[in-house]
Structure formats: structure tokens, C-alpha cells
Amino acid sequence: MTVRAYIGIGSNLDDPAARVQAAFGELQRLPATRLAARSSLYGSKPMGPADQPDYVNAVAAVDTRMPAAELLQALAQIEDRQGRERGAAQWGPRTLDLDLLLYGEQRIATPTLTVPHPGMHERDFVLVPLAEIAGDLDVPGHGPLSALTPCCQQHELVRLVSA
């Protein structure tokens, strides 16, 4: 069975726009997965410590037959290939961050995976690109995307590159 999943993409080190673009390509090459849509790239102020570079963010939609846990593991492997250092400060700088935002309409709560992604409903750098590619989406447990976007935390989001 194919499931539509949404993946948040972010980078603020080593040419972040190129890293985000490369992540789109890596997602396209995942087994049993097709890149269905990609948002524009957006610049945002960091959510964590202010003494780090601004982020480049985007969201991808994929149609996948991979189970959620397997998809999460594949996302971690993509991060590793792009030089992601684990164990760094939460919300600190990173070469690539891939978050499994939504996996169909499922709610998942395991020690290693929470879907919908915690906090996604409050973050403009997730909601604005998500609304660009799936404006009529309902976020399980939080309601329509159109109602969430005006209320989210602001990170001085700026559209950089169109999809």
C-alpha cells in the first residue's frame, strides 16, 4: 500500500540551499518511493541559538510503500551521507535535517518516532512550505493547515527559490 508522507527539510551549513536541493534528489532515489511534490525554498532565522547561520527550509511530499520506521531510518541515512553530526546541541547548526512530518493520516508514538512531528503545527518554516504543496491538508490532532498557518511562531520566513 502506498502512503503519502511529508518530509521537512532544513540546512544551515555548507551551502544550505544546495544541500536542500540535494535532499530532494536523495528522496527521489529512495526505494519504493516517488517524490510527488516539492515546495519552494525558504530562508528562516534559527529556532535555537541565535549565534548560528540562517536556515534554508522546504517540504517534500513522497508516495512510499516503506513503513514509517523504515522511512525514518532512510532519512537518517541521507542526513549521514550529507555530513550530519549526531549528538550536537538541540536546534543547533546542521548540514541537513530531515523530519518525517506526516505519514498518511496516521498518528504514531514510539520511542523513536512521533507523527505528526511534534511542534510542526507551530512552525512557519514547516507550515508555509507544506501549505504550498498541500494547502487543503488536515494535520491529525491539530486541524486544517489553513487554520494553523496564521497562528504559528514566526521565524522571519522569506521565499528564496520557487519549486
Foldseek 3Di string as FASTA:
>chain_A
DKWKWKKKKKAQPDPQVVLRVVVLVLQCPDPQKHFDDKFFWKWFQFPDDRPGGIMIMIMTIMIGPDPPVVVVVSQVVSQVVQPFDPPDDVSDHGGMDMAGQAIHQDADDDPVDGYNPPPLLADLSNLVNVCVVVVQDARHPHGHSVVSNVRHDGGPMDGDGGD
